[in-house]
Amino acid sequence: MSKRTIIPFGPQHPVLPEPIHLDLVVEDEKVIEAIPSIGFIHRGLEKLVEKKDFIDYVYVAERICGICSAIHGQTYCQAVEEVMNIAVPERALYLRTIWGELSRVHSHLLWLGLMADGFGFEALFMHCWRLRETVLDMIEETTGGRVIFGSCKVGGVRKDIDKPTLERIVAKLNGMEKEIKEVTDVFIVDRSVKHRTVGVGVLSKQDAYELGAVGPTMRASGINQDMRKLGYAAYKQLKFEPIVETAGDSYSRCVVRIKEIFQSIDLIRQAAVQLPEGPIDVKVTGTPSGEFFARTEQPRGEVIYYLKANGTRFLQRLRVRTPTFANIPALVKLLQGCELADVPILALTIDPCISCTER
């Protein structure tokens, strides 16, 4: 007769360097149920809008998460700009897009490295992060930062990218494509990787929809939705289609992110060609009054910023819904029925960012 046991996973685990705790109800080696517990690193960042000037709060928003910092700052700025009816210069919108896509490339390469580490492929882990370092060098050259850029502000951006620098970045990315393909092909064709991912942790299209999954987790289950298609920043001027897979398993979630790396490089190329001349910011006068609901696409999926302002320098309310928070119900679902040994890999396949989740 099978005996049920509760096994704790986390909050500290070698394969997942972030504090999420799962109580795994197992029967022999099969997971019957996963009960998540979060809240280990809550920092009260949303409350700070009552004490930080709405102009200065962009620095706090960027620190909600390190890896997603550029798009956190951008989404916050977009919400404030809509409330204040600020027309951001076209050049600034294109620069935000370029930095946002560089952020996506480095985030996905970081995730691929962690995935390789989860399989025990240490050399592959190093190769993924070696490529990521090249992208971080590009970010450092254009913003001064490597992970937290500090480039976005209400009304535009703080820094510009001159033409020679942009051409050099595009040339580097073009040269990197072959190396990235060589590394990512291992995830796509290697038999041992496919053995751990194909048909494992399946999230059906219906479950992904009903549980509110977002980003690559959702698109790997066949749902064609990408917030960039809303046309914010410069995306309305760029040609691309969401990357969608239909199997809904760990392999599909991996393939979606790999294809998005090459898509991001193509979007940067397009933006570099179309980058208009002109100012990079506008002067911001007055204080915000009203409320707005901003949605953008982070590397992990849709992030939502809701803010309410009452005409003072300090916002009355800020609420952030991050992609990992939306994907945790999907993680609980896809863990049901898996083997205990697959839990670390399945947790990684939603690309969890717990510091994002716990503002």
Protein backbone atom coordinates (compact mmCIF):
# COMPACT_ATOMS: atom_id res chain seq x y z
CA MET A 1 0.00 0.00 0.00
CA SER A 2 1.34 3.43 -0.97
CA LYS A 3 2.14 5.82 1.83
CA ARG A 4 1.82 9.60 1.51
CA THR A 5 4.61 11.77 2.83
CA ILE A 6 5.08 15.55 2.99
CA ILE A 7 8.51 16.64 1.82
CA PRO A 8 9.61 20.30 2.16
CA PHE A 9 11.23 21.88 -0.89
CA GLY A 10 13.00 25.14 -0.05
CA PRO A 11 13.07 27.90 0.97
CA GLN A 12 16.73 27.26 0.18
CA HIS A 13 17.56 24.75 -2.53
CA PRO A 14 20.77 24.33 -4.57
CA VAL A 15 19.00 24.47 -7.96
CA LEU A 16 16.77 27.46 -7.12
CA PRO A 17 18.69 30.31 -5.48
CA GLU A 18 15.51 32.08 -4.38
CA PRO A 19 13.40 31.57 -1.24
CA ILE A 20 10.23 29.78 -2.31
CA HIS A 21 8.91 26.97 -0.14
CA LEU A 22 6.82 24.09 -1.45
CA ASP A 23 5.27 21.39 0.71
CA LEU A 24 5.25 18.38 -1.61
CA VAL A 25 2.72 15.67 -0.84
CA VAL A 26 4.29 12.56 -2.36
CA GLU A 27 3.14 9.00 -2.81
CA ASP A 28 6.22 6.84 -3.32
CA GLU A 29 8.16 8.97 -5.86
CA LYS A 30 5.15 10.75 -7.37
CA VAL A 31 4.04 14.25 -6.35
CA ILE A 32 0.32 14.28 -5.59
CA GLU A 33 0.04 17.90 -4.48
CA ALA A 34 2.26 20.97 -4.10
CA ILE A 35 1.40 23.64 -1.53
CA PRO A 36 3.36 26.89 -2.08
CA SER A 37 4.45 29.24 0.68
CA ILE A 38 5.94 32.65 -0.13
CA GLY A 39 6.69 35.77 1.88
CA PHE A 40 10.24 35.21 3.10
CA ILE A 41 11.67 38.45 1.65
CA HIS A 42 8.76 40.91 1.69
CA ARG A 43 10.20 44.44 1.56
CA GLY A 44 7.17 46.75 1.58
CA LEU A 45 8.18 48.55 -1.62
CA GLU A 46 4.63 49.44 -2.66
CA LYS A 47 4.14 51.34 0.62
CA LEU A 48 7.13 53.55 -0.20
CA VAL A 49 5.11 55.55 -2.75
CA GLU A 50 3.69 57.42 0.24
CA LYS A 51 7.17 58.59 1.22
CA LYS A 52 9.08 58.80 -2.08
CA ASP A 53 8.41 61.57 -4.60
CA PHE A 54 6.75 60.18 -7.76
CA ILE A 55 9.83 61.23 -9.77
CA ASP A 56 12.24 59.49 -7.40
CA TYR A 57 10.15 56.33 -7.04
CA VAL A 58 11.37 55.08 -10.42
CA TYR A 59 14.61 54.13 -8.63
CA VAL A 60 12.60 51.99 -6.19
CA ALA A 61 10.55 50.42 -9.00
CA GLU A 62 13.77 49.35 -10.75
CA ARG A 63 14.83 47.58 -7.56
CA ILE A 64 11.68 45.49 -7.22
CA CYS A 65 13.72 42.98 -9.23
CA GLY A 66 17.28 43.09 -10.50
CA ILE A 67 16.95 40.99 -13.66
CA CYS A 68 13.69 42.70 -14.77
CA SER A 69 14.73 46.16 -13.52
CA ALA A 70 14.64 47.96 -16.88
CA ILE A 71 11.04 46.97 -17.62
CA HIS A 72 9.89 47.58 -14.05
CA GLY A 73 11.14 51.15 -14.33
CA GLN A 74 9.69 51.55 -17.81
CA THR A 75 6.23 50.28 -16.80
CA TYR A 76 6.10 52.59 -13.79
CA CYS A 77 7.10 55.55 -15.94
CA GLN A 78 4.48 54.67 -18.57
CA ALA A 79 1.76 54.67 -15.90
CA VAL A 80 2.79 58.07 -14.52
CA GLU A 81 3.13 59.51 -18.03
CA GLU A 82 -0.40 58.40 -18.93
CA VAL A 83 -1.83 59.94 -15.77
CA MET A 84 -0.01 63.23 -16.48
CA ASN A 85 -0.62 63.18 -20.27
CA ILE A 86 3.11 63.40 -21.00
CA ALA A 87 4.11 62.86 -24.63
CA VAL A 88 7.41 60.96 -24.53
CA PRO A 89 9.77 61.73 -27.47
CA GLU A 90 9.96 59.03 -30.16
CA ARG A 91 13.71 58.57 -29.72
CA ALA A 92 13.22 57.83 -26.01
CA LEU A 93 10.57 55.22 -26.85
CA TYR A 94 12.98 53.45 -29.21
CA LEU A 95 15.80 53.56 -26.63
CA ARG A 96 13.47 52.06 -24.01
CA THR A 97 12.68 49.28 -26.47
CA ILE A 98 16.35 48.56 -27.19
CA TRP A 99 17.23 48.38 -23.49
CA GLY A 100 14.12 46.32 -22.78
CA GLU A 101 15.11 43.73 -25.39
CA LEU A 102 18.73 43.64 -24.19
CA SER A 103 17.26 42.95 -20.75
CA ARG A 104 15.19 40.09 -22.22
CA VAL A 105 18.26 38.55 -23.90
CA HIS A 106 20.36 38.62 -20.74
CA SER A 107 17.46 37.31 -18.63
CA HIS A 108 16.81 34.35 -20.95
CA LEU A 109 20.53 33.52 -21.15
CA LEU A 110 20.70 33.63 -17.35
CA TRP A 111 17.72 31.27 -17.19
CA LEU A 112 19.30 28.87 -19.71
CA GLY A 113 22.40 28.76 -17.55
CA LEU A 114 20.37 27.93 -14.46
CA MET A 115 18.50 25.26 -16.43
CA ALA A 116 21.80 23.71 -17.54
CA ASP A 117 22.99 23.79 -13.92
CA GLY A 118 19.77 22.03 -12.90
CA PHE A 119 20.59 19.21 -15.34
CA GLY A 120 24.16 19.04 -14.00
CA PHE A 121 25.73 20.46 -17.20
CA GLU A 122 28.21 22.81 -15.54
CA ALA A 123 30.18 23.60 -18.71
CA LEU A 124 26.95 24.52 -20.52
CA PHE A 125 26.00 26.72 -17.56
CA MET A 126 29.30 28.60 -17.93
CA HIS A 127 28.86 29.02 -21.69
CA CYS A 128 25.37 30.52 -21.25
CA TRP A 129 26.61 32.98 -18.66
CA ARG A 130 29.68 33.80 -20.75
CA LEU A 131 27.36 34.91 -23.55
CA ARG A 132 25.25 36.82 -21.04
CA GLU A 133 28.34 38.73 -19.91
CA THR A 134 28.76 40.09 -23.45
CA VAL A 135 25.19 41.43 -23.32
CA LEU A 136 25.83 42.95 -19.88
CA ASP A 137 28.88 44.69 -21.34
CA MET A 138 26.64 46.29 -23.98
CA ILE A 139 24.24 47.46 -21.28
CA GLU A 140 27.10 48.84 -19.20
CA GLU A 141 28.51 50.69 -22.20
CA THR A 142 25.18 52.44 -22.87
CA THR A 143 23.76 52.98 -19.35
CA GLY A 144 26.62 52.70 -16.89
CA GLY A 145 24.89 49.83 -15.10
CA ARG A 146 25.00 46.11 -15.75
CA VAL A 147 21.84 44.74 -14.17
CA ILE A 148 20.04 47.82 -12.83
CA PHE A 149 20.26 50.32 -15.68
CA GLY A 150 18.91 53.56 -14.18
CA SER A 151 18.21 54.76 -17.71
CA CYS A 152 14.43 55.34 -17.57
CA LYS A 153 12.74 58.37 -16.07
CA VAL A 154 9.32 59.98 -16.16
CA GLY A 155 9.22 61.87 -19.46
CA GLY A 156 11.85 59.86 -21.34
CA VAL A 157 15.31 58.42 -20.69
CA ARG A 158 18.39 59.74 -18.93
CA LYS A 159 20.98 58.63 -21.46
CA ASP A 160 21.35 58.48 -25.22
CA ILE A 161 23.12 56.00 -27.49
CA ASP A 162 25.17 57.52 -30.30
CA LYS A 163 25.14 55.99 -33.76
CA PRO A 164 28.65 54.41 -33.71
CA THR A 165 27.94 52.74 -30.36
CA LEU A 166 24.61 51.39 -31.57
CA GLU A 167 26.17 50.05 -34.77
CA ARG A 168 28.87 48.35 -32.70
CA ILE A 169 26.23 46.74 -30.44
CA VAL A 170 24.23 45.46 -33.41
CA ALA A 171 27.42 44.05 -34.98
CA LYS A 172 28.25 42.25 -31.71
CA LEU A 173 24.76 40.80 -31.50
CA ASN A 174 24.97 39.63 -35.11
CA GLY A 175 28.24 37.89 -34.30
CA MET A 176 26.79 36.35 -31.13
CA GLU A 177 23.87 34.70 -32.93
CA LYS A 178 25.99 31.79 -34.17
CA GLU A 179 27.44 31.18 -30.69
CA ILE A 180 24.01 31.40 -29.07
CA LYS A 181 22.65 28.91 -31.60
CA GLU A 182 25.46 26.45 -30.86
CA VAL A 183 24.72 26.64 -27.13
CA THR A 184 20.93 26.59 -27.39
CA ASP A 185 20.97 23.65 -29.82
CA VAL A 186 22.10 21.50 -26.90
CA PHE A 187 18.81 22.22 -25.13
CA ILE A 188 16.84 21.47 -28.30
CA VAL A 189 18.50 18.29 -29.62
CA ASP A 190 20.45 16.67 -26.74
CA ARG A 191 18.88 13.34 -25.83
CA SER A 192 19.46 13.59 -22.09
CA VAL A 193 17.91 17.08 -21.94
CA LYS A 194 14.90 15.96 -23.96
CA HIS A 195 14.50 12.95 -21.68
CA ARG A 196 14.09 15.33 -18.71
CA THR A 197 11.78 17.81 -20.48
CA VAL A 198 9.67 16.29 -23.28
CA GLY A 199 6.25 15.38 -21.94
CA VAL A 200 7.24 16.39 -18.41
CA GLY A 201 5.26 19.00 -16.49
CA VAL A 202 2.51 19.43 -19.06
CA LEU A 203 0.30 22.51 -18.65
CA SER A 204 -2.66 22.33 -21.01
CA LYS A 205 -3.94 25.34 -22.92
CA GLN A 206 -7.15 25.29 -20.90
CA ASP A 207 -5.30 25.13 -17.57
CA ALA A 208 -2.90 27.90 -18.62
CA TYR A 209 -5.87 30.11 -19.49
CA GLU A 210 -7.94 29.34 -16.40
CA LEU A 211 -5.00 29.69 -14.00
CA GLY A 212 -3.92 33.01 -15.51
CA ALA A 213 -0.44 31.96 -16.62
CA VAL A 214 1.60 34.61 -18.42
CA GLY A 215 4.67 34.96 -20.63
CA PRO A 216 6.61 31.98 -22.00
CA THR A 217 4.80 29.68 -19.53
CA MET A 218 1.51 30.62 -21.19
CA ARG A 219 2.75 30.79 -24.79
CA ALA A 220 4.34 27.32 -24.48
CA SER A 221 0.81 26.01 -23.88
CA GLY A 222 -0.50 27.42 -27.15
CA ILE A 223 -1.91 30.81 -26.07
CA ASN A 224 -0.96 33.56 -28.51
CA GLN A 225 -0.61 36.58 -26.24
CA ASP A 226 2.26 39.02 -25.79
CA MET A 227 1.83 42.43 -24.16
CA ARG A 228 4.32 43.94 -26.62
CA LYS A 229 1.60 43.63 -29.26
CA LEU A 230 -0.28 46.38 -27.38
CA GLY A 231 2.15 48.74 -29.11
CA TYR A 232 3.72 50.52 -26.15
CA ALA A 233 7.18 52.09 -26.49
CA ALA A 234 8.31 51.52 -30.12
CA TYR A 235 6.75 48.07 -30.59
CA LYS A 236 3.94 49.43 -32.74
CA GLN A 237 6.59 50.30 -35.34
CA LEU A 238 8.37 46.93 -35.23
CA LYS A 239 7.49 43.68 -36.98
CA PHE A 240 7.25 40.55 -34.85
CA GLU A 241 4.82 37.84 -33.80
CA PRO A 242 4.60 36.11 -30.39
CA ILE A 243 6.58 32.86 -30.10
CA VAL A 244 4.06 30.08 -29.46
CA GLU A 245 4.47 26.33 -28.84
CA THR A 246 1.60 23.94 -28.25
CA ALA A 247 2.84 20.94 -26.23
CA GLY A 248 2.78 22.80 -22.89
CA ASP A 249 5.64 20.73 -21.43
CA SER A 250 9.03 21.72 -20.02
CA TYR A 251 10.62 21.32 -23.45
CA SER A 252 8.17 23.80 -25.01
CA ARG A 253 8.81 26.38 -22.29
CA CYS A 254 12.52 26.03 -22.99
CA VAL A 255 12.05 26.36 -26.78
CA VAL A 256 9.90 29.49 -26.42
CA ARG A 257 12.60 31.28 -24.43
CA ILE A 258 15.34 30.19 -26.83
CA LYS A 259 13.40 31.51 -29.84
CA GLU A 260 12.67 34.74 -27.97
CA ILE A 261 16.41 35.39 -27.64
CA PHE A 262 16.75 35.52 -31.43
CA GLN A 263 13.51 37.49 -31.72
CA SER A 264 14.85 40.11 -29.29
CA ILE A 265 18.06 40.44 -31.29
CA ASP A 266 15.97 41.02 -34.42
CA LEU A 267 13.85 43.65 -32.64
CA ILE A 268 17.02 45.47 -31.55
CA ARG A 269 18.22 45.43 -35.17
CA GLN A 270 14.92 46.87 -36.37
CA ALA A 271 14.89 49.56 -33.67
CA ALA A 272 18.49 50.54 -34.43
CA VAL A 273 17.66 51.07 -38.13
CA GLN A 274 14.50 53.06 -37.38
CA LEU A 275 15.85 55.08 -34.41
CA PRO A 276 14.74 58.70 -35.06
CA GLU A 277 16.70 61.83 -34.24
CA GLY A 278 15.43 64.21 -31.60
CA PRO A 279 15.30 64.81 -27.84
CA ILE A 280 15.36 61.96 -25.34
CA ASP A 281 13.15 63.53 -22.67
CA VAL A 282 10.67 66.29 -21.91
CA LYS A 283 10.44 68.55 -18.89
CA VAL A 284 7.95 67.28 -16.32
CA THR A 285 5.87 69.93 -14.56
CA GLY A 286 3.02 69.58 -12.12
CA THR A 287 1.93 66.55 -10.14
CA PRO A 288 -0.09 63.48 -11.16
CA SER A 289 -3.80 63.23 -10.47
CA GLY A 290 -5.84 60.20 -11.51
CA GLU A 291 -5.25 56.49 -11.91
CA PHE A 292 -3.91 54.18 -14.59
CA PHE A 293 -3.35 50.48 -15.25
CA ALA A 294 -0.14 49.82 -17.26
CA ARG A 295 0.73 46.44 -18.80
CA THR A 296 4.06 45.44 -20.36
CA GLU A 297 5.89 42.21 -21.22
CA GLN A 298 8.79 41.30 -18.97
CA PRO A 299 11.09 38.35 -19.81
CA ARG A 300 8.94 36.23 -17.49
CA GLY A 301 5.60 37.54 -18.73
CA GLU A 302 3.04 40.29 -18.24
CA VAL A 303 3.65 42.79 -15.44
CA ILE A 304 0.89 45.14 -14.29
CA TYR A 305 1.33 48.50 -12.57
CA TYR A 306 -1.75 50.12 -11.07
CA LEU A 307 -1.27 53.55 -9.58
CA LYS A 308 -3.55 56.17 -8.09
CA ALA A 309 -2.49 59.78 -7.62
CA ASN A 310 -4.25 62.62 -5.79
CA GLY A 311 -2.44 65.69 -7.11
CA THR A 312 0.45 65.67 -4.63
CA ARG A 313 4.10 64.72 -5.09
CA PHE A 314 3.39 61.36 -3.46
CA LEU A 315 1.24 58.69 -5.04
CA GLN A 316 -1.77 57.56 -3.05
CA ARG A 317 -1.52 53.91 -4.10
CA LEU A 318 0.68 51.60 -6.14
CA ARG A 319 -0.01 47.96 -6.85
CA VAL A 320 2.31 45.70 -8.85
CA ARG A 321 1.28 42.29 -10.22
CA THR A 322 4.40 40.47 -11.33
CA PRO A 323 4.60 37.49 -13.75
CA THR A 324 5.93 34.97 -11.24
CA PHE A 325 3.00 35.69 -8.92
CA ALA A 326 0.67 34.91 -11.85
CA ASN A 327 2.59 31.74 -12.75
CA ILE A 328 2.70 30.13 -9.29
CA PRO A 329 -0.82 28.57 -9.66
CA ALA A 330 0.35 27.12 -12.99
CA LEU A 331 3.46 25.73 -11.28
CA VAL A 332 1.32 24.05 -8.63
CA LYS A 333 -0.80 22.49 -11.39
CA LEU A 334 2.07 21.17 -13.52
CA LEU A 335 3.79 19.68 -10.46
CA GLN A 336 0.81 17.41 -9.82
CA GLY A 337 1.65 13.90 -10.97
CA CYS A 338 5.33 14.54 -11.68
CA GLU A 339 8.25 12.54 -10.30
CA LEU A 340 9.92 13.96 -7.19
CA ALA A 341 13.26 14.18 -9.03
CA ASP A 342 11.68 16.49 -11.64
CA VAL A 343 10.47 19.11 -9.15
CA PRO A 344 13.58 21.35 -9.30
CA ILE A 345 13.56 21.42 -13.12
CA LEU A 346 9.81 22.07 -13.27
CA ALA A 347 10.14 24.94 -10.79
CA LEU A 348 12.85 26.41 -13.00
CA THR A 349 10.74 26.15 -16.15
CA ILE A 350 8.45 29.01 -15.04
CA ASP A 351 11.63 31.11 -14.54
CA PRO A 352 10.63 32.17 -11.02
CA CYS A 353 11.67 35.55 -9.66
CA ILE A 354 10.71 35.60 -6.00
CA SER A 355 12.05 39.09 -5.24
CA CYS A 356 9.61 40.35 -7.93
CA THR A 357 6.78 38.40 -6.35
CA GLU A 358 7.39 39.75 -2.85
CA ARG A 359 7.41 43.50 -3.21
